[in-house]
Amino acid sequence: MDALLALGNAHARKETAETEIRQLRAYSREFHSDRPYKLEPLAEFSGMSVSGIRTAYKDAEIDTVAHQVGRKPDSRHTRPPAVGTTWS
């Protein structure tokens, strides 16, 4: 049973890391004013292709990061807030 517990714990850490990575990608692209991080270095450091970075995070990650940093994203496109979210 110890191996199953260790496997479950490792899986939970992996899920947490993947969530953090998606949030960091969203932060890098959406919260850096008119100079977001470029796709090429983000792809390289994420182990992804440039085209993969474009879809590597969703509105949920943007909303989470906005809540964490206490401000709206600086993205060039306008997105409506998620249901139940209010921007100050």
Protein backbone atom coordinates (compact mmCIF):
# COMPACT_ATOMS: atom_id res chain seq x y z
CA MET A 1 0.00 0.00 0.00
CA ASP A 2 2.97 2.35 0.52
CA ALA A 3 3.72 2.30 -3.21
CA LEU A 4 0.12 3.31 -4.00
CA LEU A 5 0.28 6.17 -1.53
CA ALA A 6 3.60 7.33 -3.00
CA LEU A 7 2.14 7.10 -6.51
CA GLY A 8 -0.89 9.16 -5.48
CA ASN A 9 1.34 11.76 -3.85
CA ALA A 10 3.56 11.96 -6.93
CA HIS A 11 0.50 12.37 -9.15
CA ALA A 12 -0.80 15.20 -6.94
CA ARG A 13 2.58 16.97 -7.16
CA LYS A 14 2.55 16.56 -10.95
CA GLU A 15 -0.95 18.07 -11.21
CA THR A 16 0.11 20.98 -8.99
CA ALA A 17 3.21 21.59 -11.12
CA GLU A 18 1.20 21.47 -14.36
CA THR A 19 -1.28 23.99 -12.96
CA GLU A 20 1.56 26.29 -11.91
CA ILE A 21 3.16 26.02 -15.35
CA ARG A 22 -0.11 26.95 -17.10
CA GLN A 23 -0.51 29.94 -14.77
CA LEU A 24 3.07 31.07 -15.43
CA ARG A 25 2.46 30.88 -19.18
CA ALA A 26 -0.69 32.97 -18.78
CA TYR A 27 1.18 35.49 -16.62
CA SER A 28 4.02 35.69 -19.12
CA ARG A 29 1.73 36.43 -22.03
CA GLU A 30 -1.20 38.31 -20.49
CA PHE A 31 0.21 40.40 -17.64
CA HIS A 32 3.24 42.14 -19.12
CA SER A 33 1.76 45.29 -20.59
CA ASP A 34 2.57 45.85 -24.25
CA ARG A 35 5.68 43.63 -24.05
CA PRO A 36 4.57 40.09 -23.25
CA TYR A 37 7.17 37.37 -23.28
CA LYS A 38 7.78 36.13 -26.81
CA LEU A 39 6.44 32.77 -27.87
CA GLU A 40 9.83 31.30 -28.83
CA PRO A 41 11.49 31.48 -25.39
CA LEU A 42 8.28 30.42 -23.66
CA ALA A 43 8.09 27.40 -25.96
CA GLU A 44 11.73 26.54 -25.36
CA PHE A 45 11.51 26.74 -21.56
CA SER A 46 8.17 24.92 -21.53
CA GLY A 47 9.33 22.09 -23.75
CA MET A 48 6.61 22.92 -26.25
CA SER A 49 6.26 24.14 -29.79
CA VAL A 50 5.51 27.80 -30.52
CA SER A 51 2.07 26.87 -31.78
CA GLY A 52 1.45 24.87 -28.60
CA ILE A 53 2.19 27.88 -26.40
CA ARG A 54 -0.63 29.83 -28.05
CA THR A 55 -3.16 27.40 -26.56
CA ALA A 56 -1.22 26.29 -23.46
CA TYR A 57 -3.48 28.14 -21.03
CA LYS A 58 -7.14 29.00 -20.88
CA ASP A 59 -9.36 31.73 -19.47
CA ALA A 60 -9.44 29.91 -16.12
CA GLU A 61 -5.68 30.34 -15.72
CA ILE A 62 -5.90 34.01 -16.71
CA ASP A 63 -8.68 34.55 -14.16
CA THR A 64 -6.67 32.80 -11.44
CA VAL A 65 -3.57 34.87 -12.15
CA ALA A 66 -5.65 38.08 -12.23
CA HIS A 67 -6.99 37.22 -8.80
CA GLN A 68 -3.49 36.38 -7.52
CA VAL A 69 -1.89 39.62 -8.75
CA GLY A 70 -4.96 41.77 -8.06
CA ARG A 71 -5.39 43.28 -11.50
CA LYS A 72 -6.78 42.73 -14.96
CA PRO A 73 -4.67 41.16 -17.68
CA ASP A 74 -2.83 43.54 -20.00
CA SER A 75 -3.64 41.40 -23.01
CA ARG A 76 -4.22 42.94 -26.42
CA HIS A 77 -7.56 41.22 -26.81
CA THR A 78 -10.57 41.93 -24.64
CA ARG A 79 -12.12 39.06 -22.77
CA PRO A 80 -15.22 39.25 -20.66
CA PRO A 81 -14.65 38.23 -17.04
CA ALA A 82 -15.69 34.75 -15.96
CA VAL A 83 -19.14 34.42 -14.46
CA GLY A 84 -19.08 35.64 -10.87
CA THR A 85 -15.81 37.54 -11.34
CA THR A 86 -15.73 41.28 -10.78
CA TRP A 87 -12.80 43.44 -11.80
CA SER A 88 -11.90 46.38 -9.63
